[in-house]
Amino acid sequence: MSAASSISPATPPTQSRYSLVVTTSPCRGRTRLKCRRQIIIKLLLFSIPSEETSLIETTELHEGPSTVVGASEPKQQRSRANRDALLDAFISLLEERPYADIGVTEIARRAGLTSGALYGRFGDKRGLARAAHERFVVRSAETMEKWGARPTWRTAPPRAIIRNWTKGAVNFCRMYRPLMSLMIDDPDVGEQYDQLMAKPPSILAGLLRDAIPGPPRAEFEKDVEWAARAALAVLERFDLDDDELFDRIEQLLCRMIGV
């Protein structure tokens, strides 16, 4: 290889996206096989969009074919994957032990990353917990909205709607009890939590309003929302392993709503 060479894509000059200039330092040492060449890569970018520049990384290469490390795996995609891995690891540990007993090193180890990766993305364990809360709120709200928009509810009787709503509420609280309990006691995310838990009662009220024949009575939707909030309060605080819990919540709602 010459002391300096120029490499460019095999595309017409008018379509050229970038040029790559490679220079190498001379060999030092008596044996060529043991000689390491330091290749310094300079990328002269002309009009590459931001998402393409994230695919290109500079690196130190040895003798052999020139390659671009990271080209097959976008940096942003890896960053999101690492972020989700840390959040998933935290939530899985939260299901096993209290928040205070979970350490940063343990979270990073379970995620397959370093403690520095956690500190770099979230600052500390508290920042990680807040990010987990935010992701939980967004995903849960989307799930609730999709459930409420199912076409099957248009022809379902009121009791069937209440039964399915109750089943979903019980299962939801059982699955996410550790994270929900942590959110209840966290003043920084209290408002987010209240907004999230206001969605299921509102969805139920709208479905029952459309399912009951004739004009609804005065304050009907408010009564439904109040009854649903009472049911959720029970689910937040009481034993969810009770086999009779589902039937009790369903009967409570039917009596309070009057269906």
Protein backbone atom coordinates (compact mmCIF):
# COMPACT_ATOMS: atom_id res chain seq x y z
CA MET A 1 0.00 0.00 0.00
CA SER A 2 1.31 3.48 -0.79
CA ALA A 3 1.85 6.07 1.91
CA ALA A 4 -1.43 7.71 1.06
CA SER A 5 -4.32 6.54 -1.03
CA SER A 6 -7.84 7.68 -1.78
CA ILE A 7 -10.87 5.39 -1.75
CA SER A 8 -14.31 6.44 -2.94
CA PRO A 9 -17.56 4.57 -3.74
CA ALA A 10 -18.01 3.24 -7.29
CA THR A 11 -20.84 5.66 -8.05
CA PRO A 12 -21.00 8.55 -10.50
CA PRO A 13 -19.46 11.79 -9.20
CA THR A 14 -22.86 13.44 -9.00
CA GLN A 15 -24.13 10.69 -6.65
CA SER A 16 -21.07 10.53 -4.39
CA ARG A 17 -22.04 10.56 -0.73
CA TYR A 18 -18.62 10.58 0.92
CA SER A 19 -14.89 10.09 0.38
CA LEU A 20 -12.55 8.07 2.54
CA VAL A 21 -8.91 9.09 2.86
CA VAL A 22 -6.56 6.49 4.35
CA THR A 23 -2.94 7.13 5.39
CA THR A 24 -0.62 4.59 6.97
CA SER A 25 2.49 4.98 9.06
CA PRO A 26 5.66 3.23 7.77
CA CYS A 27 6.58 -0.23 9.04
CA ARG A 28 8.88 -0.38 12.01
CA GLY A 29 10.77 -3.51 12.96
CA ARG A 30 12.69 -6.19 11.07
CA THR A 31 9.91 -8.72 10.49
CA ARG A 32 7.07 -7.66 8.23
CA LEU A 33 4.69 -10.24 9.71
CA LYS A 34 5.12 -8.65 13.13
CA CYS A 35 4.77 -5.17 11.81
CA ARG A 36 1.58 -3.41 12.83
CA ARG A 37 0.37 -0.57 10.73
CA GLN A 38 -1.60 2.23 12.30
CA ILE A 39 -4.33 3.20 9.89
CA ILE A 40 -5.88 6.57 10.48
CA ILE A 41 -9.23 6.95 8.82
CA LYS A 42 -10.59 10.35 7.97
CA LEU A 43 -14.15 10.55 6.73
CA LEU A 44 -14.90 13.53 4.56
CA LEU A 45 -18.68 13.71 4.65
CA PHE A 46 -20.53 15.84 2.14
CA SER A 47 -24.27 15.23 2.49
CA ILE A 48 -24.89 12.16 4.63
CA PRO A 49 -28.15 12.27 6.66
CA SER A 50 -27.84 11.96 10.44
CA GLU A 51 -29.23 8.42 10.55
CA GLU A 52 -26.54 7.29 8.11
CA THR A 53 -23.70 8.96 10.00
CA SER A 54 -24.67 6.95 13.05
CA LEU A 55 -23.76 3.79 11.13
CA ILE A 56 -20.16 4.86 10.62
CA GLU A 57 -17.51 4.56 13.29
CA THR A 58 -13.77 5.16 13.08
CA THR A 59 -11.51 2.47 14.46
CA GLU A 60 -7.93 1.27 14.56
CA LEU A 61 -7.31 -1.39 11.93
CA HIS A 62 -4.46 -3.83 11.42
CA GLU A 63 -3.20 -5.19 8.13
CA GLY A 64 -5.98 -6.76 6.12
CA PRO A 65 -9.19 -5.71 4.37
CA SER A 66 -10.58 -2.34 5.37
CA THR A 67 -13.88 -2.54 7.26
CA VAL A 68 -16.27 -0.12 8.93
CA VAL A 69 -17.07 -1.36 12.43
CA GLY A 70 -20.70 -0.99 13.47
CA ALA A 71 -22.10 -0.50 10.00
CA SER A 72 -24.52 -3.41 10.37
CA GLU A 73 -25.81 -2.33 13.75
CA PRO A 74 -27.06 1.25 14.11
CA LYS A 75 -25.76 3.02 17.17
CA GLN A 76 -29.18 4.38 18.11
CA GLN A 77 -30.71 0.91 17.94
CA ARG A 78 -28.03 -0.49 20.25
CA SER A 79 -28.56 2.37 22.66
CA ARG A 80 -32.31 1.73 22.83
CA ALA A 81 -31.73 -1.99 23.30
CA ASN A 82 -29.32 -1.37 26.17
CA ARG A 83 -31.74 1.06 27.76
CA ASP A 84 -34.60 -1.44 27.59
CA ALA A 85 -32.32 -4.18 28.94
CA LEU A 86 -31.57 -2.10 32.03
CA LEU A 87 -35.25 -1.28 32.57
CA ASP A 88 -36.28 -4.91 32.13
CA ALA A 89 -33.58 -6.05 34.55
CA PHE A 90 -34.74 -3.55 37.15
CA ILE A 91 -38.38 -4.62 36.87
CA SER A 92 -37.50 -8.31 37.09
CA LEU A 93 -35.47 -7.69 40.25
CA LEU A 94 -38.29 -5.60 41.69
CA GLU A 95 -40.51 -8.66 41.44
CA GLU A 96 -38.04 -10.59 43.59
CA ARG A 97 -37.17 -8.13 46.36
CA PRO A 98 -37.93 -4.61 47.67
CA TYR A 99 -36.57 -1.57 45.88
CA ALA A 100 -34.18 -0.71 48.72
CA ASP A 101 -32.50 -4.12 48.44
CA ILE A 102 -31.68 -3.79 44.74
CA GLY A 103 -28.21 -2.53 43.85
CA VAL A 104 -26.94 -0.81 40.72
CA THR A 105 -24.30 -3.48 40.13
CA GLU A 106 -26.92 -6.20 40.34
CA ILE A 107 -29.16 -4.45 37.82
CA ALA A 108 -26.30 -3.96 35.37
CA ARG A 109 -25.16 -7.57 35.75
CA ARG A 110 -28.62 -8.92 35.01
CA ALA A 111 -28.87 -6.67 31.96
CA GLY A 112 -25.49 -7.89 30.72
CA LEU A 113 -24.02 -4.39 30.91
CA THR A 114 -21.76 -2.36 33.18
CA SER A 115 -22.68 -0.07 36.06
CA GLY A 116 -21.27 2.77 34.00
CA ALA A 117 -23.90 2.12 31.33
CA LEU A 118 -26.63 2.58 33.94
CA TYR A 119 -25.12 5.76 35.38
CA GLY A 120 -24.54 7.14 31.90
CA ARG A 121 -28.17 6.72 30.84
CA PHE A 122 -30.11 7.30 34.06
CA GLY A 123 -27.78 9.04 36.51
CA ASP A 124 -28.56 6.69 39.38
CA LYS A 125 -31.01 4.02 40.53
CA ARG A 126 -33.67 6.64 41.23
CA GLY A 127 -33.44 7.91 37.67
CA LEU A 128 -33.76 4.35 36.40
CA ALA A 129 -36.89 3.83 38.51
CA ARG A 130 -38.48 7.01 37.13
CA ALA A 131 -37.72 5.89 33.58
CA ALA A 132 -39.32 2.51 34.34
CA HIS A 133 -42.41 4.30 35.64
CA GLU A 134 -42.66 6.46 32.52
CA ARG A 135 -42.34 3.50 30.18
CA PHE A 136 -44.91 1.58 32.18
CA VAL A 137 -47.39 4.48 32.00
CA VAL A 138 -47.01 4.88 28.23
CA ARG A 139 -47.32 1.18 27.42
CA SER A 140 -50.18 0.60 29.84
CA ALA A 141 -52.17 3.55 28.50
CA GLU A 142 -51.80 2.21 24.95
CA THR A 143 -52.97 -1.24 26.05
CA MET A 144 -56.00 0.18 27.83
CA GLU A 145 -57.02 2.30 24.87
CA LYS A 146 -56.76 -0.69 22.51
CA TRP A 147 -58.90 -2.78 24.85
CA GLY A 148 -61.58 -0.11 25.01
CA ALA A 149 -61.63 0.23 21.21
CA ARG A 150 -62.42 -3.44 20.51
CA PRO A 151 -65.42 -3.79 18.16
CA THR A 152 -66.86 -6.62 20.27
CA TRP A 153 -68.01 -4.18 22.96
CA ARG A 154 -70.50 -2.55 20.57
CA THR A 155 -72.87 -5.50 20.87
CA ALA A 156 -71.85 -6.88 24.28
CA PRO A 157 -74.34 -6.69 27.20
CA PRO A 158 -73.38 -4.53 30.22
CA ARG A 159 -72.58 -7.48 32.50
CA ALA A 160 -70.24 -9.00 29.92
CA ILE A 161 -68.40 -5.69 29.68
CA ILE A 162 -68.09 -5.47 33.46
CA ARG A 163 -66.89 -9.07 33.70
CA ASN A 164 -64.18 -8.58 31.08
CA TRP A 165 -63.13 -5.24 32.55
CA THR A 166 -62.83 -6.81 36.01
CA LYS A 167 -60.79 -9.72 34.69
CA GLY A 168 -58.41 -7.34 32.94
CA ALA A 169 -58.08 -5.11 36.01
CA VAL A 170 -57.32 -8.03 38.33
CA ASN A 171 -54.74 -9.53 35.97
CA PHE A 172 -53.14 -6.13 35.34
CA CYS A 173 -52.72 -5.42 39.05
CA ARG A 174 -51.38 -8.90 39.69
CA MET A 175 -48.75 -8.62 36.96
CA TYR A 176 -47.51 -5.15 37.85
CA ARG A 177 -48.10 -5.02 41.61
CA PRO A 178 -44.42 -4.38 42.56
CA LEU A 179 -44.00 -1.48 40.14
CA MET A 180 -47.42 -0.03 40.96
CA SER A 181 -46.69 -0.16 44.69
CA LEU A 182 -43.43 1.68 44.11
CA MET A 183 -45.22 4.35 42.06
CA ILE A 184 -47.87 4.90 44.73
CA ASP A 185 -45.16 5.82 47.24
CA ASP A 186 -43.15 7.99 44.82
CA PRO A 187 -44.22 11.66 44.88
CA ASP A 188 -42.30 12.39 41.66
CA VAL A 189 -44.57 10.14 39.59
CA GLY A 190 -47.75 10.40 41.66
CA GLU A 191 -49.52 12.57 39.09
CA GLN A 192 -48.60 10.22 36.24
CA TYR A 193 -49.89 7.28 38.23
CA ASP A 194 -53.19 9.01 39.02
CA GLN A 195 -53.70 9.87 35.35
CA LEU A 196 -53.01 6.28 34.33
CA MET A 197 -55.39 4.78 36.88
CA ALA A 198 -58.12 7.22 35.81
CA LYS A 199 -58.20 5.67 32.34
CA PRO A 200 -59.83 2.28 33.14
CA PRO A 201 -62.83 3.83 34.96
CA SER A 202 -63.32 6.33 32.14
CA ILE A 203 -63.19 3.58 29.51
CA LEU A 204 -65.67 1.43 31.44
CA ALA A 205 -68.06 4.36 31.85
CA GLY A 206 -68.05 5.08 28.12
CA LEU A 207 -68.64 1.44 27.18
CA LEU A 208 -71.55 1.02 29.61
CA ARG A 209 -73.12 4.29 28.52
CA ASP A 210 -73.31 2.97 24.97
CA ALA A 211 -74.35 -0.55 26.01
CA ILE A 212 -77.35 0.35 28.18
CA PRO A 213 -80.54 0.97 26.14
CA GLY A 214 -82.19 4.36 26.33
CA PRO A 215 -80.80 7.62 27.63
CA PRO A 216 -78.49 7.19 30.64
CA ARG A 217 -79.64 8.49 34.00
CA ALA A 218 -78.18 11.67 35.37
CA GLU A 219 -74.64 11.32 36.66
CA PHE A 220 -74.45 7.78 35.25
CA GLU A 221 -70.90 8.03 33.97
CA LYS A 222 -69.68 9.63 37.18
CA ASP A 223 -71.28 6.82 39.19
CA VAL A 224 -69.56 4.22 37.02
CA GLU A 225 -66.20 5.94 37.32
CA TRP A 226 -66.55 6.20 41.09
CA ALA A 227 -67.43 2.50 41.37
CA ALA A 228 -64.51 1.52 39.14
CA ARG A 229 -62.10 3.67 41.13
CA ALA A 230 -63.29 1.98 44.32
CA ALA A 231 -62.63 -1.41 42.73
CA LEU A 232 -59.12 -0.37 41.69
CA ALA A 233 -58.41 0.92 45.20
CA VAL A 234 -59.25 -2.53 46.53
CA LEU A 235 -56.93 -4.13 43.98
CA GLU A 236 -54.10 -1.75 44.86
CA ARG A 237 -54.13 -2.49 48.57
CA PHE A 238 -55.53 -5.95 49.22
CA ASP A 239 -54.35 -9.52 48.68
CA LEU A 240 -54.56 -10.34 44.98
CA ASP A 241 -54.10 -14.07 45.51
CA ASP A 242 -57.61 -14.45 46.89
CA ASP A 243 -59.42 -16.84 44.54
CA GLU A 244 -62.74 -15.11 45.25
CA LEU A 245 -61.41 -11.64 44.50
CA PHE A 246 -62.60 -11.57 40.89
CA ASP A 247 -66.20 -12.50 41.74
CA ARG A 248 -66.32 -10.05 44.63
CA ILE A 249 -65.11 -7.15 42.50
CA GLU A 250 -67.54 -8.00 39.72
CA GLN A 251 -70.50 -8.18 42.12
CA LEU A 252 -69.43 -4.93 43.75
CA LEU A 253 -69.39 -3.13 40.41
CA CYS A 254 -72.74 -4.53 39.27
CA ARG A 255 -74.44 -3.45 42.50
CA MET A 256 -72.90 0.00 42.56
CA ILE A 257 -73.62 0.65 38.87
CA GLY A 258 -77.08 -0.90 38.99
CA VAL A 259 -76.92 -3.46 36.18
